[in-house]
Protein backbone atom coordinates (compact mmCIF):
# COMPACT_ATOMS: atom_id res chain seq x y z
CA MET A 1 -19.73 7.94 3.07
CA ALA A 2 -17.64 9.97 0.69
CA GLY A 3 -17.14 13.63 1.49
CA GLN A 4 -16.22 16.55 -0.69
CA LEU A 5 -13.87 16.40 -3.63
CA GLY A 6 -10.44 17.71 -2.69
CA VAL A 7 -7.01 18.10 -4.18
CA SER A 8 -4.25 16.06 -2.61
CA PRO A 9 -1.00 17.73 -1.59
CA LEU A 10 0.55 16.07 -4.62
CA GLY A 11 -1.90 17.73 -7.01
CA ARG A 12 -4.11 14.72 -7.75
CA PHE A 13 -7.79 14.41 -6.97
CA PHE A 14 -9.14 12.04 -4.36
CA THR A 15 -12.15 11.83 -2.07
CA ILE A 16 -11.67 13.24 1.40
CA ARG A 17 -13.71 11.53 4.07
CA ARG A 18 -14.88 13.74 6.87
CA ASN A 19 -13.49 11.75 9.79
CA PHE A 20 -10.94 9.40 8.30
CA MET A 21 -8.77 8.47 5.32
CA LEU A 22 -8.35 4.92 4.03
CA VAL A 23 -5.33 3.65 2.11
CA LEU A 24 -4.71 0.38 0.30
CA GLY A 25 -1.00 -0.44 0.71
CA ILE A 26 0.46 -2.89 -1.81
CA ASP A 27 3.69 -4.88 -1.83
CA PRO A 28 3.81 -5.97 -5.49
CA GLY A 29 4.65 -9.53 -6.42
CA THR A 30 3.47 -12.31 -8.70
CA ALA A 31 3.73 -15.28 -6.33
CA ILE A 32 2.67 -13.23 -3.29
CA CYS A 33 1.11 -9.78 -3.56
CA GLY A 34 0.70 -8.37 -0.07
CA TYR A 35 -2.07 -5.87 0.69
CA GLY A 36 -3.13 -3.89 3.73
CA LEU A 37 -6.01 -1.50 4.26
CA VAL A 38 -5.19 1.04 6.95
CA ARG A 39 -7.46 3.82 8.18
CA LEU A 40 -6.21 7.09 9.65
CA GLU A 41 -8.81 8.40 12.07
CA LYS A 42 -7.69 11.70 13.59
CA SER A 43 -4.16 10.68 14.63
CA ARG A 44 -4.89 6.97 15.08
CA LEU A 45 -3.85 4.25 12.65
CA ILE A 46 -6.33 1.37 12.44
CA PRO A 47 -5.81 -1.90 10.52
CA VAL A 48 -9.00 -2.58 8.56
CA HIS A 49 -8.14 -5.68 6.52
CA TYR A 50 -4.91 -7.28 5.36
CA GLY A 51 -3.67 -10.37 3.59
CA ALA A 52 -2.11 -11.50 0.35
CA VAL A 53 -3.02 -12.67 -3.12
CA PHE A 54 -1.26 -15.99 -3.74
CA THR A 55 -0.67 -17.41 -7.21
CA ASP A 56 0.78 -20.79 -8.02
CA LYS A 57 4.12 -20.86 -9.87
CA ASP A 58 2.63 -23.35 -12.35
CA MET A 59 -0.14 -20.96 -13.43
CA LEU A 60 0.17 -19.26 -16.78
CA PRO A 61 1.60 -15.73 -16.32
CA GLU A 62 -1.53 -14.09 -17.70
CA LEU A 63 -3.73 -16.05 -15.26
CA ARG A 64 -1.52 -15.01 -12.32
CA LEU A 65 -1.94 -11.36 -13.34
CA LYS A 66 -5.69 -11.85 -13.82
CA LYS A 67 -6.01 -13.27 -10.30
CA ILE A 68 -4.15 -10.27 -8.84
CA PHE A 69 -6.39 -7.90 -10.77
CA GLU A 70 -9.61 -9.62 -9.72
CA GLU A 71 -8.73 -9.86 -6.03
CA LEU A 72 -7.50 -6.25 -5.79
CA ASN A 73 -10.53 -5.07 -7.77
CA GLY A 74 -12.74 -6.84 -5.24
CA LEU A 75 -10.94 -5.19 -2.31
CA ILE A 76 -11.34 -1.75 -3.91
CA ALA A 77 -15.05 -2.39 -4.57
CA ASP A 78 -15.63 -3.62 -0.99
CA TYR A 79 -13.60 -1.05 0.96
CA LYS A 80 -13.43 1.99 -1.38
CA PRO A 81 -9.99 3.28 -0.36
CA ASP A 82 -9.16 6.94 -0.90
CA PHE A 83 -5.80 6.14 -2.49
CA MET A 84 -3.28 3.37 -3.05
CA SER A 85 0.33 3.30 -1.85
CA VAL A 86 2.63 1.02 -3.81
CA GLU A 87 6.26 0.15 -3.32
CA LYS A 88 8.52 1.33 -6.14
CA LEU A 89 10.44 -1.45 -7.79
CA TYR A 90 13.97 -1.91 -6.56
CA PHE A 91 16.13 -4.85 -7.53
CA ASN A 92 19.59 -5.19 -6.12
CA ARG A 93 20.02 -8.94 -6.38
CA ASN A 94 17.62 -10.96 -8.51
CA VAL A 95 17.10 -9.23 -11.85
CA ASN A 96 15.20 -12.33 -13.09
CA THR A 97 12.22 -11.36 -10.96
CA ALA A 98 12.17 -7.77 -12.25
CA ILE A 99 9.99 -8.43 -15.30
CA PRO A 100 7.27 -10.54 -13.61
CA VAL A 101 7.11 -8.16 -10.62
CA GLY A 102 7.01 -5.21 -13.01
CA GLN A 103 4.10 -6.82 -14.82
CA ALA A 104 2.26 -7.38 -11.52
CA ARG A 105 2.94 -3.80 -10.55
CA GLY A 106 1.51 -2.62 -13.87
CA VAL A 107 -1.67 -4.60 -13.24
CA ILE A 108 -1.89 -3.15 -9.72
CA VAL A 109 -1.53 0.45 -10.91
CA LEU A 110 -4.01 -0.18 -13.76
CA THR A 111 -6.52 -1.63 -11.25
CA ALA A 112 -6.32 1.60 -9.24
CA ALA A 113 -6.59 3.75 -12.37
CA LEU A 114 -9.69 1.90 -13.58
CA ALA A 115 -11.27 2.50 -10.17
CA GLY A 116 -10.31 6.18 -10.22
CA ILE A 117 -7.99 5.86 -7.23
CA PRO A 118 -4.76 7.90 -7.09
CA VAL A 119 -1.54 5.94 -6.68
CA PHE A 120 1.43 7.16 -4.66
CA GLU A 121 4.77 5.36 -4.84
CA TYR A 122 7.44 4.98 -2.18
CA THR A 123 10.89 3.42 -2.25
CA PRO A 124 11.81 0.77 0.32
CA ILE A 125 14.08 3.33 2.01
CA GLN A 126 11.23 5.86 2.28
CA VAL A 127 8.96 3.20 3.80
CA LYS A 128 11.58 2.10 6.33
CA GLN A 129 12.27 5.72 7.25
CA ALA A 130 8.57 6.43 7.77
CA ILE A 131 7.99 3.33 9.90
CA THR A 132 11.19 2.98 11.94
CA GLY A 133 12.93 6.34 11.67
CA THR A 134 15.83 4.89 9.69
CA GLY A 135 16.09 3.86 6.05
CA ARG A 136 18.43 1.02 7.02
CA ALA A 137 15.97 -0.96 9.13
CA ASP A 138 15.70 -4.70 8.53
CA LYS A 139 12.46 -6.63 7.94
CA ASN A 140 12.13 -7.59 11.60
CA GLN A 141 12.34 -3.95 12.69
CA VAL A 142 9.74 -2.91 10.14
CA THR A 143 7.39 -5.73 11.15
CA TYR A 144 7.83 -4.90 14.86
CA MET A 145 6.96 -1.24 14.26
CA VAL A 146 3.96 -2.15 12.08
CA GLN A 147 2.67 -4.28 14.95
CA LYS A 148 3.20 -1.44 17.44
CA LEU A 149 1.73 1.30 15.25
CA LEU A 150 -1.35 -0.76 14.39
CA HIS A 151 -1.69 -2.49 17.77
CA ILE A 152 -1.54 -5.94 16.17
CA GLN A 153 -0.63 -8.75 18.54
CA GLU A 154 0.46 -11.37 16.00
CA LYS A 155 3.13 -10.85 13.37
CA PRO A 156 1.47 -10.36 9.96
CA LYS A 157 2.44 -13.26 7.70
CA PRO A 158 3.88 -13.62 5.17
CA ASP A 159 6.38 -10.73 5.25
CA ASP A 160 4.72 -9.27 2.15
CA VAL A 161 1.64 -8.46 4.28
CA ALA A 162 3.68 -6.58 6.90
CA ASP A 163 5.42 -4.74 4.05
CA ALA A 164 2.07 -3.79 2.50
CA LEU A 165 0.83 -2.43 5.84
CA ALA A 166 4.08 -0.46 6.20
CA ILE A 167 3.65 0.95 2.67
CA GLY A 168 0.10 2.01 3.56
CA ILE A 169 1.24 3.69 6.79
CA CYS A 170 3.99 5.47 4.85
CA GLY A 171 1.40 6.79 2.40
CA LEU A 172 -0.90 8.04 5.14
CA ASN A 173 2.00 9.74 6.93
CA SER A 174 3.19 11.33 3.69
CA ILE A 175 -0.26 12.70 2.81
CA ARG A 176 -0.80 13.94 6.38
CA GLU A 177 2.61 15.66 6.46
CA LYS A 178 2.12 17.36 3.08
CA ASP A 179 -1.38 18.45 4.07
CA LEU A 180 -0.05 19.98 7.30
CA LEU A 181 2.74 21.80 5.47
CA GLU A 182 0.24 23.11 2.95
CA ARG A 183 -1.99 24.47 5.71
CA LEU A 184 0.95 26.16 7.45
CA SER A 185 2.22 27.93 4.33
């Protein structure tokens, strides 16, 4: 159901669907990698599929990364998103998790690249701003707004899933805003 080839507002190529745009939002992690597929149809946000890739702490690091790759690759093959939104790495407390999360993030970005999907990155502050209107929102505020924006009754669990949905919404809003500005100029 792909439409014409278009240039994104950020200068990368991606497929524009005639009636909707689909994003795969990712909250990178090695133990839990949250994902959320969100569709923008006209001005309506619709949750398509969301969940998490779980890896056991006793698995070899390379097998954890392989599992993340395989599961995300399967999601991309099944749903064919137009682009991927990924949270930029930000570590203010636990530097020990920086390397494993960075490795997971590398696998995530590579998975998108191999599938020919553009990747857009957003800081936690940008995501919070896009979802709640303030970059200082806490996790509960972000989750609440994700539920309201997507009309989801139950709180997405674990928190990584709600974060992935928020990252996806942020990406859709960013693309929509840049597209609108481009049309007006």
